Amino acid sequence: MISILVATDFSEASNAAFRMAEYVLTFKEATITPIHVMETGMWSESGPTLPGVEDKRYAMQKETAIRNCYEQAALYIDPALTQTPLVESGSDPGQIIVEASKRFDLVCIATTGKSSLTTLLLGSVAKNVVSSCPVPLLIGSKANFKPDFSRILVITDLADEEIPTADMLEFFLRFSDCSITLFHFNEANSGKTNEHCERMLSKIRENSFSKFDARVSVKCLSAEGDSGTHIIEFARSIKAGLIALRPGNKSALQKLFIGSTASKIISEGDIPVLSMQLFK
């Protein structure tokens, strides 16, 4: 059994995180723990307060947040599988979630919301979460969608032939009814031919995916223009239900996931993204 941490700000958009967790439960035994971060001072009023009043307000806000976590989770998750919610407070919600994630196997989060989650994945805090999260991170962008990870698009920049590894997709491989496309966007001025890139992709397939029953194909695309746009369009063309990214090291992460390509895939794409585990 695995443990899943689900981040929420109680907005409709954050339902996407619970929908993804619900989907994982269809093929993996798991427990679900909601987490909500209250920004420091949100329970305070302006002006002086009597001793202990602010502590009481905080306790009341926390109690309300815990109740809201249970109610939102119950819309998608069997209550018997929902663990006691984590309700924390602080000025850096991204770092708080990263620290909490160390006790879990998977984190589910939405890209948009009414408060902190909006900046969490689309602003500066995103760099902290994505680069530091020690476990796989599932990122959803649509509240009212039905997840289907039977078709997975795995993107690699070919910087390291050892990545992506099939082991990092273990949660999502559906074996005989799962198909995977290993994909590389070959920039027009890279100096590499598509044939060379596809040979490298084939080598990754043979080394990392041969032990699984999933169908694995390779695709290299070379085109002018924005790589993020081309990746989103290709993912839609094959009806991919999940885009998986696993950079091989931190510098590659900063280039691929925090750069403009990944930002476009996350913020403008309508397909869930899996940022796979980076650190052992």
Foldseek 3Di string as FASTA:
>chain_A
DFEEEQEDPLFLQSLQLLLVVLVLVVPDDYAYAYEYEAEPPPQPDPDDDDPPPSVVSVVVVQVVVQVSVLVSNVVRHDSVRYDRYHYYYYNQVLVVVLVVLVVGAEYGGECDDDPDSVCCCQNPVVLVNLLRRQHKYKYAHGSPDRFDQQEEEEEDQLPDLQPDAVVLCVSRHPFQSHAYEYEYEDEPPNPDDQVVVLVSVVSSCVVHPPVTNHHYHYDYHYDDDDPLVVVLVVCVVVVHQEYEYEYADSVSCCVPCVDPNNSCCRPVHRHMYMYGRHHD
